Amino acid sequence: MFFFGKKNKAVDNSANNSAGSGNELAKGGNVTVSSIKVLGAGCSSCHTQFENAKQAVQNMGLVVEVDYVTDLQKIMEYGVLSTPAIVIDENVVAMGNILSPADIEKLLQK
C-alpha cells in the first residue's frame, strides 16, 4: 500500500496487501476518491499497472492510498476474470489491460 502526502513521497506499506480503512478522501481539483486498488497476481503487467496508478495519483496531486491486492479470493469477490484490474471506490473500472497514467487519470476524473 502506498500513501502520497503533500510532498508526493510514497511510503511503502505493501506487505499488508489489504484495503485501506476507506476513511481517506483524495481531493484534487474537483476529484474526490476514497480508494484505489490494483488487483493482480503479482506478474510484471500487474506491477506495471500498480506503478502507473501511483503515478496517476501523484500527477493529479491526490492524497489517497493505492492498494495492490494479490489475494485471489479478494480478486474473485470483485468478479474480475482477468488482471490487472483497477478498482476505484469499490467499482471495477478496468480489467485485462495495462493503462497508462494518463488513462488512469481520466478514470479518476469521472
PDB file of N, CA and C in Angstrom:
ATOM      1  N   MET A   1       0.847  -1.151   0.000  1.00  0.00           N
ATOM      2  CA  MET A   1       0.000   0.000   0.000  1.00  0.00           C
ATOM      3  C   MET A   1       0.903   1.227   0.000  1.00  0.00           C
ATOM      4  N   PHE A   2       0.561   2.182  -0.802  1.00  0.00           N
ATOM      5  CA  PHE A   2       1.326   3.411  -0.873  1.00  0.00           C
ATOM      6  C   PHE A   2       0.428   4.564  -0.509  1.00  0.00           C
ATOM      7  N   PHE A   3       0.996   5.550   0.169  1.00  0.00           N
ATOM      8  CA  PHE A   3       0.233   6.730   0.554  1.00  0.00           C
ATOM      9  C   PHE A   3       1.010   7.945   0.100  1.00  0.00           C
ATOM     10  N   PHE A   4       0.359   8.824  -0.599  1.00  0.00           N
ATOM     11  CA  PHE A   4       1.020  10.019  -1.082  1.00  0.00           C
ATOM     12  C   PHE A   4       0.602  11.189  -0.220  1.00  0.00           C
ATOM     13  N   GLY A   5       1.570  11.856   0.373  1.00  0.00           N
ATOM     14  CA  GLY A   5       1.305  13.016   1.210  1.00  0.00           C
ATOM     15  C   GLY A   5       1.511  14.289   0.425  1.00  0.00           C
ATOM     16  N   LYS A   6       1.628  15.395   1.120  1.00  0.00           N
ATOM     17  CA  LYS A   6       1.747  16.690   0.472  1.00  0.00           C
ATOM     18  C   LYS A   6       2.977  16.791  -0.408  1.00  0.00           C
ATOM     19  N   LYS A   7       4.042  16.092  -0.042  1.00  0.00           N
ATOM     20  CA  LYS A   7       5.261  16.151  -0.842  1.00  0.00           C
ATOM     21  C   LYS A   7       5.278  15.088  -1.924  1.00  0.00           C
ATOM     22  N   ASN A   8       4.164  14.359  -2.104  1.00  0.00           N
ATOM     23  CA  ASN A   8       4.053  13.297  -3.093  1.00  0.00           C
ATOM     24  C   ASN A   8       5.124  12.231  -2.915  1.00  0.00           C
ATOM     25  N   LYS A   9       5.526  11.996  -1.692  1.00  0.00           N
ATOM     26  CA  LYS A   9       6.507  10.962  -1.402  1.00  0.00           C
ATOM     27  C   LYS A   9       5.768   9.684  -1.040  1.00  0.00           C
ATOM     28  N   ALA A  10       6.135   8.589  -1.682  1.00  0.00           N
ATOM     29  CA  ALA A  10       5.478   7.317  -1.430  1.00  0.00           C
ATOM     30  C   ALA A  10       6.072   6.655  -0.204  1.00  0.00           C
ATOM     31  N   VAL A  11       5.195   6.096   0.609  1.00  0.00           N
ATOM     32  CA  VAL A  11       5.610   5.303   1.755  1.00  0.00           C
ATOM     33  C   VAL A  11       5.116   3.893   1.502  1.00  0.00           C
ATOM     34  N   ASP A  12       6.020   2.921   1.472  1.00  0.00           N
ATOM     35  CA  ASP A  12       5.664   1.551   1.126  1.00  0.00           C
ATOM     36  C   ASP A  12       5.179   0.793   2.350  1.00  0.00           C
ATOM     37  N   ASN A  13       3.924   0.387   2.286  1.00  0.00           N
ATOM     38  CA  ASN A  13       3.343  -0.489   3.293  1.00  0.00           C
ATOM     39  C   ASN A  13       2.758  -1.710   2.595  1.00  0.00           C
ATOM     40  N   SER A  14       3.317  -2.110   1.464  1.00  0.00           N
ATOM     41  CA  SER A  14       2.723  -3.131   0.609  1.00  0.00           C
ATOM     42  C   SER A  14       2.691  -4.514   1.222  1.00  0.00           C
ATOM     43  N   ALA A  15       3.402  -4.765   2.306  1.00  0.00           N
ATOM     44  CA  ALA A  15       3.346  -6.072   2.937  1.00  0.00           C
ATOM     45  C   ALA A  15       1.928  -6.379   3.413  1.00  0.00           C
ATOM     46  N   ASN A  16       1.145  -5.350   3.657  1.00  0.00           N
ATOM     47  CA  ASN A  16      -0.219  -5.509   4.120  1.00  0.00           C
ATOM     48  C   ASN A  16      -1.105  -6.096   3.023  1.00  0.00           C
ATOM     49  N   ASN A  17      -1.012  -5.574   1.791  1.00  0.00           N
ATOM     50  CA  ASN A  17      -1.791  -6.023   0.635  1.00  0.00           C
ATOM     51  C   ASN A  17      -3.294  -6.048   0.873  1.00  0.00           C
ATOM     52  N   SER A  18      -3.777  -5.298   1.830  1.00  0.00           N
ATOM     53  CA  SER A  18      -5.211  -5.263   2.078  1.00  0.00           C
ATOM     54  C   SER A  18      -5.736  -3.865   1.838  1.00  0.00           C
ATOM     55  N   ALA A  19      -7.033  -3.756   1.848  1.00  0.00           N
ATOM     56  CA  ALA A  19      -7.664  -2.465   1.589  1.00  0.00           C
ATOM     57  C   ALA A  19      -7.391  -1.505   2.730  1.00  0.00           C
ATOM     58  N   GLY A  20      -7.375  -0.218   2.393  1.00  0.00           N
ATOM     59  CA  GLY A  20      -7.230   0.815   3.409  1.00  0.00           C
ATOM     60  C   GLY A  20      -8.502   0.906   4.224  1.00  0.00           C
ATOM     61  N   SER A  21      -8.505   1.793   5.163  1.00  0.00           N
ATOM     62  CA  SER A  21      -9.659   1.930   6.051  1.00  0.00           C
ATOM     63  C   SER A  21     -10.866   2.501   5.326  1.00  0.00           C
ATOM     64  N   GLY A  22     -10.632   3.141   4.191  1.00  0.00           N
ATOM     65  CA  GLY A  22     -11.731   3.737   3.452  1.00  0.00           C
ATOM     66  C   GLY A  22     -12.125   5.093   3.988  1.00  0.00           C
ATOM     67  N   ASN A  23     -11.478   5.556   5.037  1.00  0.00           N
ATOM     68  CA  ASN A  23     -11.804   6.841   5.638  1.00  0.00           C
ATOM     69  C   ASN A  23     -11.107   7.999   4.951  1.00  0.00           C
ATOM     70  N   GLU A  24     -10.102   7.697   4.147  1.00  0.00           N
ATOM     71  CA  GLU A  24      -9.338   8.739   3.491  1.00  0.00           C
ATOM     72  C   GLU A  24     -10.078   9.198   2.232  1.00  0.00           C
ATOM     73  N   LEU A  25     -10.021  10.479   1.945  1.00  0.00           N
ATOM     74  CA  LEU A  25     -10.590  11.007   0.706  1.00  0.00           C
ATOM     75  C   LEU A  25      -9.520  11.769  -0.028  1.00  0.00           C
ATOM     76  N   ALA A  26      -9.356  11.454  -1.288  1.00  0.00           N
ATOM     77  CA  ALA A  26      -8.405  12.184  -2.115  1.00  0.00           C
ATOM     78  C   ALA A  26      -9.138  13.347  -2.729  1.00  0.00           C
ATOM     79  N   LYS A  27      -8.550  14.515  -2.663  1.00  0.00           N
ATOM     80  CA  LYS A  27      -9.174  15.675  -3.276  1.00  0.00           C
ATOM     81  C   LYS A  27      -8.140  16.390  -4.116  1.00  0.00           C
ATOM     82  N   GLY A  28      -8.419  16.506  -5.369  1.00  0.00           N
ATOM     83  CA  GLY A  28      -7.555  17.224  -6.288  1.00  0.00           C
ATOM     84  C   GLY A  28      -8.447  17.943  -7.269  1.00  0.00           C
ATOM     85  N   GLY A  29      -8.543  19.240  -7.161  1.00  0.00           N
ATOM     86  CA  GLY A  29      -9.471  19.983  -8.015  1.00  0.00           C
ATOM     87  C   GLY A  29     -10.880  19.557  -7.673  1.00  0.00           C
ATOM     88  N   ASN A  30     -11.587  18.998  -8.638  1.00  0.00           N
ATOM     89  CA  ASN A  30     -12.953  18.554  -8.408  1.00  0.00           C
ATOM     90  C   ASN A  30     -13.032  17.033  -8.268  1.00  0.00           C
ATOM     91  N   VAL A  31     -11.904  16.374  -8.048  1.00  0.00           N
ATOM     92  CA  VAL A  31     -11.855  14.920  -7.951  1.00  0.00           C
ATOM     93  C   VAL A  31     -11.897  14.509  -6.485  1.00  0.00           C
ATOM     94  N   THR A  32     -12.825  13.622  -6.144  1.00  0.00           N
ATOM     95  CA  THR A  32     -12.899  13.066  -4.805  1.00  0.00           C
ATOM     96  C   THR A  32     -12.943  11.553  -4.923  1.00  0.00           C
ATOM     97  N   VAL A  33     -11.912  10.900  -4.408  1.00  0.00           N
ATOM     98  CA  VAL A  33     -11.784   9.450  -4.484  1.00  0.00           C
ATOM     99  C   VAL A  33     -11.416   8.949  -3.099  1.00  0.00           C
ATOM    100  N   SER A  34     -12.079   7.887  -2.635  1.00  0.00           N
ATOM    101  CA  SER A  34     -11.753   7.369  -1.304  1.00  0.00           C
ATOM    102  C   SER A  34     -10.828   6.170  -1.347  1.00  0.00           C
ATOM    103  N   SER A  35     -10.807   5.419  -2.461  1.00  0.00           N
ATOM    104  CA  SER A  35      -9.901   4.277  -2.532  1.00  0.00           C
ATOM    105  C   SER A  35      -9.588   3.905  -3.971  1.00  0.00           C
ATOM    106  N   ILE A  36      -8.363   3.449  -4.154  1.00  0.00           N
ATOM    107  CA  ILE A  36      -7.911   2.945  -5.453  1.00  0.00           C
ATOM    108  C   ILE A  36      -7.191   1.639  -5.183  1.00  0.00           C
ATOM    109  N   LYS A  37      -7.566   0.608  -5.924  1.00  0.00           N
ATOM    110  CA  LYS A  37      -6.924  -0.694  -5.777  1.00  0.00           C
ATOM    111  C   LYS A  37      -6.513  -1.209  -7.147  1.00  0.00           C
ATOM    112  N   VAL A  38      -5.349  -1.812  -7.187  1.00  0.00           N
ATOM    113  CA  VAL A  38      -4.922  -2.546  -8.367  1.00  0.00           C
ATOM    114  C   VAL A  38      -4.968  -4.013  -7.972  1.00  0.00           C
ATOM    115  N   LEU A  39      -5.742  -4.792  -8.716  1.00  0.00           N
ATOM    116  CA  LEU A  39      -5.866  -6.210  -8.450  1.00  0.00           C
ATOM    117  C   LEU A  39      -4.968  -6.956  -9.423  1.00  0.00           C
ATOM    118  N   GLY A  40      -4.142  -7.850  -8.900  1.00  0.00           N
ATOM    119  CA  GLY A  40      -3.248  -8.580  -9.772  1.00  0.00           C
ATOM    120  C   GLY A  40      -2.614  -9.770  -9.102  1.00  0.00           C
ATOM    121  N   ALA A  41      -2.054 -10.623  -9.939  1.00  0.00           N
ATOM    122  CA  ALA A  41      -1.456 -11.874  -9.471  1.00  0.00           C
ATOM    123  C   ALA A  41       0.008 -11.723  -9.086  1.00  0.00           C
ATOM    124  N   GLY A  42       0.555 -10.547  -9.258  1.00  0.00           N
ATOM    125  CA  GLY A  42       1.961 -10.338  -8.928  1.00  0.00           C
ATOM    126  C   GLY A  42       2.879 -10.404 -10.138  1.00  0.00           C
ATOM    127  N   CYS A  43       2.303 -10.508 -11.324  1.00  0.00           N
ATOM    128  CA  CYS A  43       3.117 -10.573 -12.548  1.00  0.00           C
ATOM    129  C   CYS A  43       3.634  -9.180 -12.917  1.00  0.00           C
ATOM    130  N   SER A  44       4.498  -9.139 -13.910  1.00  0.00           N
ATOM    131  CA  SER A  44       5.088  -7.855 -14.305  1.00  0.00           C
ATOM    132  C   SER A  44       4.037  -6.873 -14.828  1.00  0.00           C
ATOM    133  N   SER A  45       3.023  -7.357 -15.523  1.00  0.00           N
ATOM    134  CA  SER A  45       1.961  -6.475 -16.021  1.00  0.00           C
ATOM    135  C   SER A  45       1.190  -5.836 -14.869  1.00  0.00           C
ATOM    136  N   CYS A  46       0.945  -6.619 -13.839  1.00  0.00           N
ATOM    137  CA  CYS A  46       0.217  -6.108 -12.684  1.00  0.00           C
ATOM    138  C   CYS A  46       1.058  -5.095 -11.916  1.00  0.00           C
ATOM    139  N   HIS A  47       2.358  -5.371 -11.792  1.00  0.00           N
ATOM    140  CA  HIS A  47       3.250  -4.419 -11.133  1.00  0.00           C
ATOM    141  C   HIS A  47       3.314  -3.115 -11.923  1.00  0.00           C
ATOM    142  N   THR A  48       3.356  -3.225 -13.248  1.00  0.00           N
ATOM    143  CA  THR A  48       3.368  -2.034 -14.101  1.00  0.00           C
ATOM    144  C   THR A  48       2.099  -1.218 -13.896  1.00  0.00           C
ATOM    145  N   GLN A  49       0.947  -1.910 -13.821  1.00  0.00           N
ATOM    146  CA  GLN A  49      -0.324  -1.209 -13.607  1.00  0.00           C
ATOM    147  C   GLN A  49      -0.335  -0.507 -12.256  1.00  0.00           C
ATOM    148  N   PHE A  50       0.219  -1.155 -11.234  1.00  0.00           N
ATOM    149  CA  PHE A  50       0.307  -0.565  -9.904  1.00  0.00           C
ATOM    150  C   PHE A  50       1.161   0.701  -9.942  1.00  0.00           C
ATOM    151  N   GLU A  51       2.302   0.639 -10.604  1.00  0.00           N
ATOM    152  CA  GLU A  51       3.181   1.810 -10.716  1.00  0.00           C
ATOM    153  C   GLU A  51       2.491   2.927 -11.493  1.00  0.00           C
ATOM    154  N   ASN A  52       1.764   2.574 -12.555  1.00  0.00           N
ATOM    155  CA  ASN A  52       1.045   3.583 -13.340  1.00  0.00           C
ATOM    156  C   ASN A  52      -0.061   4.242 -12.518  1.00  0.00           C
ATOM    157  N   ALA A  53      -0.726   3.469 -11.675  1.00  0.00           N
ATOM    158  CA  ALA A  53      -1.772   4.032 -10.818  1.00  0.00           C
ATOM    159  C   ALA A  53      -1.171   5.007  -9.810  1.00  0.00           C
ATOM    160  N   LYS A  54      -0.052   4.627  -9.220  1.00  0.00           N
ATOM    161  CA  LYS A  54       0.617   5.538  -8.272  1.00  0.00           C
ATOM    162  C   LYS A  54       1.059   6.805  -8.984  1.00  0.00           C
ATOM    163  N   GLN A  55       1.556   6.683 -10.220  1.00  0.00           N
ATOM    164  CA  GLN A  55       1.991   7.856 -10.972  1.00  0.00           C
ATOM    165  C   GLN A  55       0.812   8.768 -11.282  1.00  0.00           C
ATOM    166  N   ALA A  56      -0.326   8.191 -11.644  1.00  0.00           N
ATOM    167  CA  ALA A  56      -1.524   8.989 -11.933  1.00  0.00           C
ATOM    168  C   ALA A  56      -1.961   9.770 -10.703  1.00  0.00           C
ATOM    169  N   VAL A  57      -1.944   9.125  -9.555  1.00  0.00           N
ATOM    170  CA  VAL A  57      -2.318   9.790  -8.304  1.00  0.00           C
ATOM    171  C   VAL A  57      -1.364  10.943  -8.025  1.00  0.00           C
ATOM    172  N   GLN A  58      -0.080  10.683  -8.207  1.00  0.00           N
ATOM    173  CA  GLN A  58       0.934  11.716  -7.973  1.00  0.00           C
ATOM    174  C   GLN A  58       0.763  12.868  -8.960  1.00  0.00           C
ATOM    175  N   ASN A  59       0.542  12.550 -10.235  1.00  0.00           N
ATOM    176  CA  ASN A  59       0.371  13.589 -11.259  1.00  0.00           C
ATOM    177  C   ASN A  59      -0.807  14.510 -10.946  1.00  0.00           C
ATOM    178  N   MET A  60      -1.858  13.937 -10.357  1.00  0.00           N
ATOM    179  CA  MET A  60      -3.056  14.711 -10.058  1.00  0.00           C
ATOM    180  C   MET A  60      -2.973  15.419  -8.713  1.00  0.00           C
ATOM    181  N   GLY A  61      -1.934  15.142  -7.949  1.00  0.00           N
ATOM    182  CA  GLY A  61      -1.786  15.772  -6.649  1.00  0.00           C
ATOM    183  C   GLY A  61      -2.783  15.275  -5.622  1.00  0.00           C
ATOM    184  N   LEU A  62      -3.256  14.046  -5.800  1.00  0.00           N
ATOM    185  CA  LEU A  62      -4.237  13.480  -4.883  1.00  0.00           C
ATOM    186  C   LEU A  62      -3.547  12.905  -3.649  1.00  0.00           C
ATOM    187  N   VAL A  63      -4.286  12.875  -2.557  1.00  0.00           N
ATOM    188  CA  VAL A  63      -3.811  12.232  -1.335  1.00  0.00           C
ATOM    189  C   VAL A  63      -4.735  11.037  -1.111  1.00  0.00           C
ATOM    190  N   VAL A  64      -4.296   9.874  -1.565  1.00  0.00           N
ATOM    191  CA  VAL A  64      -5.104   8.659  -1.452  1.00  0.00           C
ATOM    192  C   VAL A  64      -4.172   7.457  -1.472  1.00  0.00           C
ATOM    193  N   GLU A  65      -4.579   6.405  -0.796  1.00  0.00           N
ATOM    194  CA  GLU A  65      -3.811   5.178  -0.800  1.00  0.00           C
ATOM    195  C   GLU A  65      -4.077   4.423  -2.095  1.00  0.00           C
ATOM    196  N   VAL A  66      -3.027   3.827  -2.649  1.00  0.00           N
ATOM    197  CA  VAL A  66      -3.166   2.935  -3.787  1.00  0.00           C
ATOM    198  C   VAL A  66      -2.782   1.554  -3.273  1.00  0.00           C
ATOM    199  N   ASP A  67      -3.761   0.670  -3.189  1.00  0.00           N
ATOM    200  CA  ASP A  67      -3.532  -0.670  -2.666  1.00  0.00           C
ATOM    201  C   ASP A  67      -3.258  -1.638  -3.808  1.00  0.00           C
ATOM    202  N   TYR A  68      -2.388  -2.587  -3.556  1.00  0.00           N
ATOM    203  CA  TYR A  68      -2.094  -3.651  -4.514  1.00  0.00           C
ATOM    204  C   TYR A  68      -2.593  -4.949  -3.892  1.00  0.00           C
ATOM    205  N   VAL A  69      -3.656  -5.499  -4.442  1.00  0.00           N
ATOM    206  CA  VAL A  69      -4.299  -6.690  -3.898  1.00  0.00           C
ATOM    207  C   VAL A  69      -3.906  -7.892  -4.751  1.00  0.00           C
ATOM    208  N   THR A  70      -3.283  -8.879  -4.111  1.00  0.00           N
ATOM    209  CA  THR A  70      -2.868 -10.088  -4.827  1.00  0.00           C
ATOM    210  C   THR A  70      -3.615 -11.328  -4.346  1.00  0.00           C
ATOM    211  N   ASP A  71      -4.431 -11.191  -3.323  1.00  0.00           N
ATOM    212  CA  ASP A  71      -5.178 -12.321  -2.781  1.00  0.00           C
ATOM    213  C   ASP A  71      -6.250 -12.738  -3.787  1.00  0.00           C
ATOM    214  N   LEU A  72      -6.140 -13.968  -4.305  1.00  0.00           N
ATOM    215  CA  LEU A  72      -7.050 -14.450  -5.349  1.00  0.00           C
ATOM    216  C   LEU A  72      -8.508 -14.432  -4.906  1.00  0.00           C
ATOM    217  N   GLN A  73      -8.770 -14.778  -3.658  1.00  0.00           N
ATOM    218  CA  GLN A  73     -10.144 -14.766  -3.151  1.00  0.00           C
ATOM    219  C   GLN A  73     -10.733 -13.352  -3.199  1.00  0.00           C
ATOM    220  N   LYS A  74      -9.948 -12.362  -2.779  1.00  0.00           N
ATOM    221  CA  LYS A  74     -10.430 -10.978  -2.807  1.00  0.00           C
ATOM    222  C   LYS A  74     -10.645 -10.507  -4.239  1.00  0.00           C
ATOM    223  N   ILE A  75      -9.752 -10.903  -5.143  1.00  0.00           N
ATOM    224  CA  ILE A  75      -9.897 -10.529  -6.556  1.00  0.00           C
ATOM    225  C   ILE A  75     -11.186 -11.117  -7.110  1.00  0.00           C
ATOM    226  N   MET A  76     -11.455 -12.380  -6.785  1.00  0.00           N
ATOM    227  CA  MET A  76     -12.670 -13.039  -7.275  1.00  0.00           C
ATOM    228  C   MET A  76     -13.933 -12.388  -6.730  1.00  0.00           C
ATOM    229  N   GLU A  77     -13.856 -11.830  -5.525  1.00  0.00           N
ATOM    230  CA  GLU A  77     -15.025 -11.160  -4.939  1.00  0.00           C
ATOM    231  C   GLU A  77     -15.454  -9.945  -5.761  1.00  0.00           C
ATOM    232  N   TYR A  78     -14.536  -9.370  -6.515  1.00  0.00           N
ATOM    233  CA  TYR A  78     -14.870  -8.240  -7.390  1.00  0.00           C
ATOM    234  C   TYR A  78     -15.416  -8.707  -8.739  1.00  0.00           C
ATOM    235  N   GLY A  79     -15.396 -10.001  -8.994  1.00  0.00           N
ATOM    236  CA  GLY A  79     -15.872 -10.530 -10.263  1.00  0.00           C
ATOM    237  C   GLY A  79     -14.880 -10.331 -11.394  1.00  0.00           C
ATOM    238  N   VAL A  80     -13.634 -10.091 -11.053  1.00  0.00           N
ATOM    239  CA  VAL A  80     -12.593  -9.864 -12.051  1.00  0.00           C
ATOM    240  C   VAL A  80     -12.126 -11.202 -12.613  1.00  0.00           C
ATOM    241  N   LEU A  81     -12.142 -11.311 -13.933  1.00  0.00           N
ATOM    242  CA  LEU A  81     -11.728 -12.539 -14.592  1.00  0.00           C
ATOM    243  C   LEU A  81     -10.348 -12.440 -15.217  1.00  0.00           C
ATOM    244  N   SER A  82      -9.861 -11.223 -15.407  1.00  0.00           N
ATOM    245  CA  SER A  82      -8.512 -11.051 -15.947  1.00  0.00           C
ATOM    246  C   SER A  82      -7.853  -9.858 -15.264  1.00  0.00           C
ATOM    247  N   THR A  83      -6.567 -10.006 -15.023  1.00  0.00           N
ATOM    248  CA  THR A  83      -5.812  -8.955 -14.343  1.00  0.00           C
ATOM    249  C   THR A  83      -4.758  -8.417 -15.293  1.00  0.00           C
ATOM    250  N   PRO A  84      -4.266  -7.225 -15.053  1.00  0.00           N
ATOM    251  CA  PRO A  84      -4.538  -6.360 -13.910  1.00  0.00           C
ATOM    252  C   PRO A  84      -5.905  -5.699 -14.025  1.00  0.00           C
ATOM    253  N   ALA A  85      -6.437  -5.345 -12.874  1.00  0.00           N
ATOM    254  CA  ALA A  85      -7.714  -4.643 -12.817  1.00  0.00           C
ATOM    255  C   ALA A  85      -7.554  -3.442 -11.895  1.00  0.00           C
ATOM    256  N   ILE A  86      -8.370  -2.433 -12.133  1.00  0.00           N
ATOM    257  CA  ILE A  86      -8.359  -1.229 -11.300  1.00  0.00           C
ATOM    258  C   ILE A  86      -9.742  -1.063 -10.690  1.00  0.00           C
ATOM    259  N   VAL A  87      -9.749  -0.827  -9.380  1.00  0.00           N
ATOM    260  CA  VAL A  87     -10.989  -0.607  -8.639  1.00  0.00           C
ATOM    261  C   VAL A  87     -10.909   0.781  -8.019  1.00  0.00           C
ATOM    262  N   ILE A  88     -11.881   1.619  -8.334  1.00  0.00           N
ATOM    263  CA  ILE A  88     -11.962   2.964  -7.766  1.00  0.00           C
ATOM    264  C   ILE A  88     -13.253   3.043  -6.971  1.00  0.00           C
ATOM    265  N   ASP A  89     -13.114   3.370  -5.701  1.00  0.00           N
ATOM    266  CA  ASP A  89     -14.275   3.462  -4.797  1.00  0.00           C
ATOM    267  C   ASP A  89     -15.149   2.216  -4.902  1.00  0.00           C
ATOM    268  N   GLU A  90     -14.505   1.058  -4.875  1.00  0.00           N
ATOM    269  CA  GLU A  90     -15.146  -0.263  -4.874  1.00  0.00           C
ATOM    270  C   GLU A  90     -15.878  -0.601  -6.173  1.00  0.00           C
ATOM    271  N   ASN A  91     -15.586   0.106  -7.261  1.00  0.00           N
ATOM    272  CA  ASN A  91     -16.149  -0.197  -8.571  1.00  0.00           C
ATOM    273  C   ASN A  91     -15.020  -0.589  -9.516  1.00  0.00           C
ATOM    274  N   VAL A  92     -15.145  -1.739 -10.158  1.00  0.00           N
ATOM    275  CA  VAL A  92     -14.155  -2.160 -11.141  1.00  0.00           C
ATOM    276  C   VAL A  92     -14.322  -1.268 -12.361  1.00  0.00           C
ATOM    277  N   VAL A  93     -13.248  -0.547 -12.716  1.00  0.00           N
ATOM    278  CA  VAL A  93     -13.325   0.394 -13.832  1.00  0.00           C
ATOM    279  C   VAL A  93     -12.493  -0.059 -15.025  1.00  0.00           C
ATOM    280  N   ALA A  94     -11.615  -1.033 -14.821  1.00  0.00           N
ATOM    281  CA  ALA A  94     -10.797  -1.548 -15.922  1.00  0.00           C
ATOM    282  C   ALA A  94     -10.263  -2.911 -15.537  1.00  0.00           C
ATOM    283  N   MET A  95     -10.155  -3.799 -16.534  1.00  0.00           N
ATOM    284  CA  MET A  95      -9.525  -5.089 -16.277  1.00  0.00           C
ATOM    285  C   MET A  95      -8.950  -5.665 -17.563  1.00  0.00           C
ATOM    286  N   GLY A  96      -7.849  -6.396 -17.388  1.00  0.00           N
ATOM    287  CA  GLY A  96      -7.251  -7.106 -18.502  1.00  0.00           C
ATOM    288  C   GLY A  96      -6.309  -6.292 -19.359  1.00  0.00           C
ATOM    289  N   ASN A  97      -6.132  -5.009 -19.064  1.00  0.00           N
ATOM    290  CA  ASN A  97      -5.253  -4.151 -19.858  1.00  0.00           C
ATOM    291  C   ASN A  97      -4.369  -3.322 -18.944  1.00  0.00           C
ATOM    292  N   ILE A  98      -3.182  -2.998 -19.447  1.00  0.00           N
ATOM    293  CA  ILE A  98      -2.316  -2.072 -18.727  1.00  0.00           C
ATOM    294  C   ILE A  98      -2.652  -0.679 -19.222  1.00  0.00           C
ATOM    295  N   LEU A  99      -3.113   0.168 -18.320  1.00  0.00           N
ATOM    296  CA  LEU A  99      -3.454   1.540 -18.676  1.00  0.00           C
ATOM    297  C   LEU A  99      -2.287   2.460 -18.352  1.00  0.00           C
ATOM    298  N   SER A 100      -2.138   3.488 -19.156  1.00  0.00           N
ATOM    299  CA  SER A 100      -1.112   4.496 -18.899  1.00  0.00           C
ATOM    300  C   SER A 100      -1.557   5.368 -17.734  1.00  0.00           C
ATOM    301  N   PRO A 101      -0.617   6.083 -17.112  1.00  0.00           N
ATOM    302  CA  PRO A 101      -1.030   7.024 -16.063  1.00  0.00           C
ATOM    303  C   PRO A 101      -2.087   8.014 -16.559  1.00  0.00           C
ATOM    304  N   ALA A 102      -1.956   8.485 -17.792  1.00  0.00           N
ATOM    305  CA  ALA A 102      -2.932   9.438 -18.343  1.00  0.00           C
ATOM    306  C   ALA A 102      -4.328   8.814 -18.448  1.00  0.00           C
ATOM    307  N   ASP A 103      -4.381   7.543 -18.850  1.00  0.00           N
ATOM    308  CA  ASP A 103      -5.685   6.855 -18.934  1.00  0.00           C
ATOM    309  C   ASP A 103      -6.303   6.689 -17.551  1.00  0.00           C
ATOM    310  N   ILE A 104      -5.473   6.404 -16.562  1.00  0.00           N
ATOM    311  CA  ILE A 104      -5.978   6.242 -15.196  1.00  0.00           C
ATOM    312  C   ILE A 104      -6.465   7.577 -14.659  1.00  0.00           C
ATOM    313  N   GLU A 105      -5.763   8.654 -15.012  1.00  0.00           N
ATOM    314  CA  GLU A 105      -6.195   9.991 -14.588  1.00  0.00           C
ATOM    315  C   GLU A 105      -7.598  10.281 -15.125  1.00  0.00           C
ATOM    316  N   LYS A 106      -7.866   9.883 -16.357  1.00  0.00           N
ATOM    317  CA  LYS A 106      -9.198  10.084 -16.938  1.00  0.00           C
ATOM    318  C   LYS A 106     -10.254   9.326 -16.150  1.00  0.00           C
ATOM    319  N   LEU A 107      -9.928   8.100 -15.728  1.00  0.00           N
ATOM    320  CA  LEU A 107     -10.883   7.310 -14.932  1.00  0.00           C
ATOM    321  C   LEU A 107     -11.141   7.963 -13.570  1.00  0.00           C
ATOM    322  N   LEU A 108     -10.106   8.544 -13.001  1.00  0.00           N
ATOM    323  CA  LEU A 108     -10.254   9.189 -11.694  1.00  0.00           C
ATOM    324  C   LEU A 108     -11.093  10.453 -11.763  1.00  0.00           C
ATOM    325  N   GLN A 109     -11.169  11.074 -12.931  1.00  0.00           N
ATOM    326  CA  GLN A 109     -11.923  12.309 -13.086  1.00  0.00           C
ATOM    327  C   GLN A 109     -13.401  12.058 -13.343  1.00  0.00           C
ATOM    328  N   LYS A 110     -13.787  10.829 -13.579  1.00  0.00           N
ATOM    329  CA  LYS A 110     -15.204  10.513 -13.857  1.00  0.00           C
ATOM    330  C   LYS A 110     -16.011  10.501 -12.598  1.00  0.00           C
TER     331      LYS A 110
END
